[in-house]
Protein backbone atom coordinates (compact mmCIF):
# COMPACT_ATOMS: atom_id res chain seq x y z
CA MET A 1 70.37 -26.27 122.13
CA LYS A 2 73.39 -24.00 122.27
CA LEU A 3 75.50 -23.96 119.07
CA LYS A 4 79.25 -24.23 119.52
CA TYR A 5 80.39 -23.75 115.95
CA PHE A 6 81.85 -20.30 116.60
CA SER A 7 83.30 -20.64 120.05
CA GLY A 8 86.87 -20.37 121.32
CA PRO A 9 89.82 -20.06 118.86
CA LYS A 10 87.61 -20.48 115.80
CA LYS A 11 85.47 -17.52 116.83
CA THR A 12 88.60 -15.39 117.29
CA TRP A 13 89.94 -16.49 113.91
CA LEU A 14 86.67 -15.62 112.14
CA PHE A 15 86.55 -12.24 113.85
CA LEU A 16 90.11 -11.40 112.76
CA LYS A 17 89.39 -12.62 109.23
CA ALA A 18 86.27 -10.45 108.99
CA ALA A 19 88.09 -7.42 110.44
CA SER A 20 90.91 -7.89 107.93
CA LEU A 21 88.44 -8.12 105.04
CA ILE A 22 86.58 -5.00 106.19
CA PHE A 23 89.87 -3.11 106.18
CA ARG A 24 91.17 -4.45 102.86
CA LEU A 25 87.99 -3.99 100.80
CA PRO A 26 87.99 -0.15 100.85
CA VAL A 27 91.77 -0.10 100.37
CA ALA A 28 91.43 -2.29 97.26
CA ALA A 29 88.58 -0.12 95.96
CA CYS A 30 90.59 3.10 96.41
CA PHE A 31 93.65 1.47 94.85
CA SER A 32 91.61 0.37 91.84
CA PHE A 33 90.08 3.82 91.38
CA LEU A 34 93.48 5.55 91.48
CA LEU A 35 95.00 3.13 88.99
CA LEU A 36 92.12 3.52 86.55
CA LEU A 37 92.22 7.31 86.94
CA ARG A 38 95.95 7.32 86.19
CA ALA A 39 95.46 5.18 83.05
CA TYR A 40 92.60 7.45 81.92
CA TYR A 41 94.82 10.53 82.33
CA TYR A 42 97.54 9.11 80.07
CA ARG A 43 94.94 8.03 77.51
CA ILE A 44 93.32 11.49 77.35
CA PHE A 45 96.59 13.43 77.50
CA SER A 46 98.54 11.11 75.23
CA GLY A 47 100.64 14.03 74.01
CA SER A 48 102.46 14.02 77.32
CA ARG A 49 103.85 10.55 76.59
CA LEU A 50 107.31 10.14 75.07
CA THR A 51 107.65 8.41 71.69
CA LEU A 52 111.06 6.86 71.16
CA PRO A 53 112.58 6.35 67.68
CA GLY A 54 112.11 2.80 66.43
CA VAL A 55 109.79 0.13 67.83
CA THR A 56 108.92 0.06 71.53
CA ILE A 57 107.78 -3.22 73.10
CA SER A 58 106.58 -3.42 76.69
CA ILE A 59 106.85 -6.70 78.62
CA GLY A 60 105.02 -6.63 81.93
CA ASN A 61 102.43 -8.25 84.15
CA VAL A 62 99.50 -7.45 86.40
CA VAL A 63 100.34 -9.97 89.13
CA MET A 64 102.70 -9.44 92.03
CA GLY A 65 105.84 -11.52 92.13
CA GLY A 66 107.55 -13.47 89.40
CA GLY A 67 105.77 -13.41 86.07
CA GLY A 68 108.64 -14.60 83.87
CA LYS A 69 109.43 -11.14 82.45
CA THR A 70 113.23 -11.47 82.54
CA PRO A 71 113.54 -14.76 80.58
CA PHE A 72 110.94 -13.53 78.10
CA THR A 73 112.87 -10.27 77.63
CA ILE A 74 115.99 -12.33 76.94
CA ALA A 75 114.15 -14.56 74.43
CA LEU A 76 112.82 -11.55 72.53
CA GLY A 77 116.23 -9.86 72.60
CA GLU A 78 117.93 -12.98 71.23
CA TYR A 79 115.37 -13.16 68.42
CA LEU A 80 116.01 -9.54 67.44
CA LEU A 81 119.80 -9.96 67.54
CA ALA A 82 119.57 -13.05 65.32
CA ARG A 83 117.78 -10.94 62.72
CA GLY A 84 120.35 -8.17 62.70
CA LYS A 85 118.36 -5.73 64.82
CA HIS A 86 119.73 -3.47 67.54
CA PRO A 87 117.64 -3.75 70.72
CA ALA A 88 118.12 -1.84 73.96
CA ILE A 89 116.54 -2.72 77.30
CA LEU A 90 114.95 -0.12 79.56
CA THR A 91 114.46 -1.36 83.11
CA ARG A 92 113.78 0.46 86.37
CA GLY A 93 116.19 -1.67 88.42
CA TYR A 94 113.82 -2.65 91.23
CA LYS A 95 115.62 -2.51 94.61
CA SER A 96 118.91 -1.80 92.84
CA GLY A 97 119.95 0.95 95.24
CA LEU A 98 119.77 3.65 92.57
CA ARG A 99 118.19 6.89 93.71
CA SER A 100 115.35 8.53 91.78
CA GLY A 101 116.74 10.06 88.60
CA GLU A 102 120.04 8.12 88.74
CA SER A 103 120.88 5.62 86.03
CA VAL A 104 123.58 3.23 84.87
CA VAL A 105 124.16 1.53 81.53
CA ILE A 106 125.38 -2.07 81.45
CA CYS A 107 126.78 -3.74 78.35
CA ASP A 108 128.43 -7.17 78.31
CA GLY A 109 128.33 -7.20 82.10
CA ILE A 110 130.28 -3.94 82.41
CA ILE A 111 128.79 -0.82 83.97
CA LYS A 112 129.84 1.79 81.46
CA THR A 113 128.52 5.05 82.86
CA GLU A 114 130.39 7.00 85.50
CA ASP A 115 127.64 9.36 86.67
CA HIS A 116 126.81 7.40 89.83
CA ARG A 117 128.35 8.00 93.25
CA GLY A 118 129.78 4.49 93.10
CA HIS A 119 128.21 1.24 91.93
CA GLU A 120 129.97 -1.21 94.27
CA ASN A 121 126.92 -1.53 96.53
CA LEU A 122 124.28 -1.61 93.79
CA MET A 123 122.15 -4.75 93.46
CA LEU A 124 121.85 -5.07 89.69
CA ASP A 125 120.79 -8.71 89.61
CA GLU A 126 118.29 -8.81 86.74
CA PRO A 127 120.11 -6.21 84.55
CA LEU A 128 123.37 -8.18 84.89
CA LEU A 129 121.55 -11.44 84.13
CA ILE A 130 120.05 -9.92 80.97
CA SER A 131 123.43 -8.44 79.98
CA HIS A 132 125.12 -11.81 80.41
CA ALA A 133 122.63 -13.36 77.97
CA LEU A 134 122.41 -10.53 75.41
CA LYS A 135 125.92 -9.70 74.24
CA GLY A 136 126.39 -6.16 72.95
CA VAL A 137 122.94 -5.01 74.06
CA PRO A 138 122.81 -1.91 76.29
CA ILE A 139 120.79 -2.38 79.49
CA ILE A 140 119.71 1.07 80.70
CA VAL A 141 118.79 0.98 84.38
CA GLY A 142 116.89 3.66 86.31
CA ASN A 143 113.36 4.65 87.26
CA LYS A 144 113.16 7.62 84.80
CA ARG A 145 113.10 5.42 81.74
CA GLY A 146 112.10 8.03 79.18
CA GLN A 147 114.71 10.47 80.46
CA ASN A 148 117.34 7.72 80.54
CA ALA A 149 116.60 6.68 76.94
CA THR A 150 116.84 10.29 75.71
CA ARG A 151 120.14 10.79 77.55
CA PHE A 152 121.49 7.54 76.13
CA LEU A 153 120.64 8.54 72.55
CA LYS A 154 122.41 11.88 73.00
CA SER A 155 125.54 10.50 74.61
CA GLN A 156 126.03 7.27 72.63
CA SER A 157 126.55 6.45 68.98
CA HIS A 158 124.70 3.17 69.52
CA ARG A 159 121.84 2.68 67.04
CA VAL A 160 118.61 1.35 68.56
CA SER A 161 115.97 -0.34 66.41
CA HIS A 162 113.86 -1.79 69.26
CA TRP A 163 113.31 -0.59 72.81
CA ILE A 164 112.20 -3.31 75.22
CA LEU A 165 110.54 -2.01 78.39
CA ASP A 166 111.20 -4.63 81.04
CA ASP A 167 108.30 -4.60 83.54
CA GLY A 168 106.77 -1.78 81.52
CA PHE A 169 103.00 -2.33 81.60
CA GLN A 170 102.46 0.16 84.44
CA HIS A 171 105.00 2.63 83.03
CA LEU A 172 102.63 4.78 80.97
CA LYS A 173 104.95 7.73 80.27
CA ILE A 174 106.35 6.05 77.14
CA ASN A 175 104.29 5.14 74.07
CA ARG A 176 104.64 1.57 72.87
CA ASN A 177 103.87 -0.31 69.66
CA ILE A 178 103.26 -3.62 71.41
CA ASP A 179 102.11 -4.25 74.99
CA ILE A 180 102.68 -7.81 76.23
CA VAL A 181 101.35 -9.03 79.60
CA LEU A 182 102.64 -12.30 81.02
CA PHE A 183 101.05 -14.82 83.37
CA LYS A 184 102.26 -18.18 84.58
CA ASP A 185 99.59 -20.83 84.21
CA PHE A 186 99.34 -21.42 87.98
CA HIS A 187 98.42 -17.74 88.44
CA LEU A 188 95.15 -18.44 86.63
CA ALA A 189 94.23 -21.07 89.22
CA ARG A 190 94.30 -18.46 91.99
CA PRO A 191 91.67 -15.83 92.86
CA LEU A 192 92.47 -12.85 90.63
CA TRP A 193 91.67 -10.07 93.09
CA LEU A 194 93.34 -6.70 93.41
CA PHE A 195 95.89 -6.04 96.13
CA PRO A 196 95.54 -6.15 99.14
CA LEU A 197 92.78 -8.75 98.61
CA GLY A 198 94.78 -10.76 96.10
CA ILE A 199 97.83 -10.89 93.83
CA LEU A 200 96.85 -8.29 91.19
CA ARG A 201 98.79 -5.05 90.73
CA GLU A 202 95.99 -3.67 88.52
CA PRO A 203 92.34 -4.62 87.99
CA LEU A 204 91.78 -7.07 85.14
CA ILE A 205 90.05 -4.40 83.07
CA ALA A 206 93.52 -2.88 82.60
CA LEU A 207 94.29 -5.77 80.25
CA LYS A 208 92.29 -3.92 77.60
CA ARG A 209 95.46 -1.82 77.15
CA CYS A 210 97.58 -4.80 76.10
CA HIS A 211 97.89 -6.39 72.67
CA TYR A 212 98.94 -9.90 73.73
CA ILE A 213 98.77 -12.06 76.83
CA GLY A 214 101.44 -14.74 77.21
CA ILE A 215 100.88 -17.80 79.37
CA GLY A 216 104.06 -19.45 80.65
CA LYS A 217 103.40 -23.18 80.90
CA THR A 218 104.42 -25.24 83.90
CA SER A 219 102.11 -28.09 82.79
CA ASP A 220 100.88 -29.53 79.49
CA ASP A 221 97.41 -28.06 79.85
CA LYS A 222 96.79 -25.61 77.01
CA ASN A 223 93.01 -25.77 77.16
CA LYS A 224 92.43 -22.72 79.32
CA ASP A 225 89.37 -20.65 78.47
CA LEU A 226 90.97 -17.26 79.01
CA ASP A 227 87.83 -15.38 77.95
CA LYS A 228 86.06 -16.82 80.98
CA ILE A 229 89.02 -16.69 83.39
CA LEU A 230 89.94 -13.07 82.67
CA GLY A 231 86.50 -11.85 81.66
CA LEU A 232 87.87 -10.30 78.47
CA PRO A 233 88.32 -11.37 74.83
CA VAL A 234 92.11 -11.39 74.40
CA ASN A 235 94.85 -12.30 71.95
CA TYR A 236 96.97 -14.84 73.75
CA PHE A 237 99.84 -17.24 73.15
CA PHE A 238 101.52 -20.01 75.12
CA TYR A 239 105.21 -20.45 75.71
CA GLU A 240 107.32 -22.84 77.77
CA ASN A 241 109.41 -22.06 80.85
CA ALA A 242 112.40 -24.37 81.22
CA GLN A 243 115.22 -24.56 83.74
CA SER A 244 118.83 -25.06 82.69
CA GLU A 245 122.18 -25.00 84.45
CA CYS A 246 124.50 -22.12 83.53
CA ASP A 247 127.95 -23.04 82.25
CA PHE A 248 130.15 -21.46 84.93
CA PRO A 249 132.98 -24.02 85.31
CA ASP A 250 135.01 -21.74 87.62
CA LEU A 251 132.27 -22.15 90.27
CA LYS A 252 132.70 -25.93 90.41
CA LYS A 253 135.05 -27.71 92.79
CA GLU A 254 134.06 -31.32 92.13
CA SER A 255 130.81 -32.06 90.27
CA LEU A 256 130.56 -30.15 87.01
CA LYS A 257 126.84 -30.84 86.53
CA LEU A 258 123.85 -31.77 88.63
CA VAL A 259 123.11 -35.48 88.44
CA PRO A 260 120.23 -37.56 89.85
CA SER A 261 120.39 -38.38 93.59
CA MET A 262 123.09 -35.75 94.20
CA GLU A 263 122.75 -34.12 97.64
CA VAL A 264 122.31 -30.36 97.35
CA VAL A 265 121.39 -27.32 99.40
CA ILE A 266 119.17 -24.81 97.60
CA ALA A 267 119.33 -21.06 98.24
CA SER A 268 116.82 -18.69 96.64
CA ALA A 269 115.48 -15.19 97.21
CA ILE A 270 112.77 -14.94 94.56
CA ALA A 271 109.00 -14.53 94.43
CA GLU A 272 108.27 -18.23 93.87
CA ASN A 273 110.72 -20.05 96.16
CA ARG A 274 108.54 -23.11 96.62
CA GLN A 275 107.96 -23.44 92.89
CA PHE A 276 111.73 -23.18 92.28
CA LEU A 277 112.37 -25.94 94.83
CA GLU A 278 109.85 -28.28 93.21
CA ASP A 279 111.10 -27.50 89.69
CA VAL A 280 114.71 -28.29 90.64
CA ARG A 281 113.65 -31.57 92.25
CA GLN A 282 111.61 -32.58 89.22
CA LYS A 283 114.05 -31.42 86.54
CA PHE A 284 117.34 -32.66 88.01
CA GLN A 285 116.11 -35.46 90.34
CA VAL A 286 118.43 -34.29 93.14
CA LYS A 287 118.13 -34.91 96.88
CA VAL A 288 117.51 -31.59 98.65
CA VAL A 289 119.18 -31.51 102.07
CA ASP A 290 118.00 -27.99 102.98
CA HIS A 291 116.39 -24.95 101.39
CA TYR A 292 117.43 -21.44 102.44
CA ALA A 293 114.56 -19.27 101.18
CA LEU A 294 114.12 -15.49 101.44
CA GLY A 295 111.72 -12.94 99.98
CA ASP A 296 112.21 -11.54 96.49
CA HIS A 297 115.38 -9.42 96.07
CA LYS A 298 116.47 -9.99 99.69
CA ASN A 299 120.19 -10.16 100.52
CA MET A 300 121.43 -13.48 101.86
CA ASP A 301 123.15 -14.04 105.19
CA PHE A 302 126.21 -15.94 103.95
CA SER A 303 127.29 -16.99 107.44
CA LEU A 304 123.92 -18.67 107.95
CA LEU A 305 124.04 -20.14 104.45
CA LYS A 306 127.47 -21.63 105.18
CA GLU A 307 126.04 -23.28 108.30
CA LYS A 308 123.14 -24.73 106.31
CA ILE A 309 125.53 -26.16 103.72
CA GLY A 310 127.49 -28.01 106.41
CA SER A 311 129.17 -31.06 104.88
CA CYS A 312 127.16 -30.88 101.66
CA LYS A 313 129.34 -30.25 98.61
CA ASN A 314 126.79 -28.76 96.21
CA LEU A 315 124.84 -25.50 96.39
CA VAL A 316 122.07 -24.66 93.93
CA VAL A 317 121.14 -20.99 93.41
CA THR A 318 119.07 -19.01 90.92
CA ALA A 319 120.90 -16.95 88.30
CA LYS A 320 119.24 -13.81 89.63
CA ASP A 321 120.55 -14.44 93.15
CA TYR A 322 124.03 -15.27 91.85
CA PHE A 323 124.37 -12.09 89.79
CA ARG A 324 123.16 -9.96 92.71
CA GLU A 325 125.98 -11.13 94.98
CA ALA A 326 128.46 -12.89 92.70
CA LYS A 327 131.62 -12.01 94.66
CA LYS A 328 130.14 -13.32 97.92
CA PHE A 329 129.15 -16.59 96.25
CA GLN A 330 132.66 -16.96 94.85
CA THR A 331 134.11 -16.39 98.31
CA LEU A 332 131.68 -18.95 99.75
CA ARG A 333 132.78 -21.46 97.11
CA ASP A 334 136.40 -21.16 98.25
CA GLU A 335 135.72 -21.09 102.00
CA ALA A 336 133.28 -24.03 102.03
CA ASN A 337 135.07 -25.91 99.22
CA ILE A 338 131.82 -26.51 97.33
CA SER A 339 130.46 -26.50 93.80
CA ILE A 340 127.86 -23.85 93.02
CA HIS A 341 125.25 -24.72 90.41
CA VAL A 342 123.54 -21.67 88.91
CA ILE A 343 120.07 -22.33 87.51
CA THR A 344 118.48 -19.98 85.02
CA LEU A 345 114.91 -19.90 83.71
CA THR A 346 114.52 -19.70 79.94
CA ALA A 347 111.44 -18.90 77.87
CA ARG A 348 110.87 -21.01 74.77
CA VAL A 349 108.69 -19.11 72.33
CA ASP A 350 107.89 -20.29 68.82
CA ALA A 351 109.31 -18.27 65.92
CA ILE A 352 105.92 -17.20 64.50
CA THR A 353 104.87 -15.70 67.83
CA LEU A 354 108.19 -13.88 68.18
CA GLU A 355 107.88 -12.51 64.65
CA ASN A 356 104.46 -11.05 65.50
CA LEU A 357 105.66 -9.63 68.80
CA ALA A 358 108.92 -8.18 67.48
CA HIS A 359 107.08 -5.90 65.03
CA ILE A 360 109.96 -6.19 62.58
CA ASP A 361 107.75 -5.38 59.59
CA LYS A 362 107.28 -1.86 60.99
CA MET A 363 111.00 -1.05 60.72
């Protein structure tokens, strides 16, 4: 009897799947080898790494996409400020438009350095979001983080007690006192394979470099056996991710706050668009008319967005998207006569965990 299990479209699909796997396996193996070799180099030649004055804390991840680094950076910065410390944030400014070696310093939402060719076209979404939350804290943006920190110390009278490396786990050129790696709990339900087979930026063995692993909860399940999931004995802590609406009254035409059953259009250009959509629905109980979703850090087509809004009077956007193109959103508010509701993600971390992570006793 002739078997027909692998005939027609299914046979073609299996062939393409196998061909893709054959291609990606050696790529993943080479990628893993190069990453481990790079980490080994910085471990052996540790003298080539820069040590900054004060305490250096790295907040990063090993998964691609949103890991909750920005809200966690803000939570740690707020904790340090409340205890009279003087933190500074070092961030590379992913897709900011800065060239290699260029940098800007943002404080209280103002770009204070003048060494750039012009910052009007820069996309400083996450740095501006952090600056909005952490008043008086310098946000130093640029891919040469060690060089930027040294230049900042020479040119400014600002005292720094703690350096926070935003997305710093793979940035091995700077020594750190504490290395924190973040996951969201739904990441642990996925296959943890290295790119291009999966979502990992580094093999899991790289977690041996970190001191703590933080799990951002989207559910109430705390009973995760991380030793078995990650294959490593680790120090870990749980924290809560929560959505809240920013208080920007000048963006509102009619409704000042989101209320249940309100009709809204959602616009987002982040790593987890679908998760953001579901979180907004669950948190605010709104009726979503349409969802304009783009890839992480992508610029929005405001003409298309205006069409999608149509007669709807309420637009919901992420804080990161708003800060990236604030002037265009303000123009859209006036032209479409709508209210814009800016949603930010906050990290709720207990005080004991923050005390351990902040390394204050070392100052």
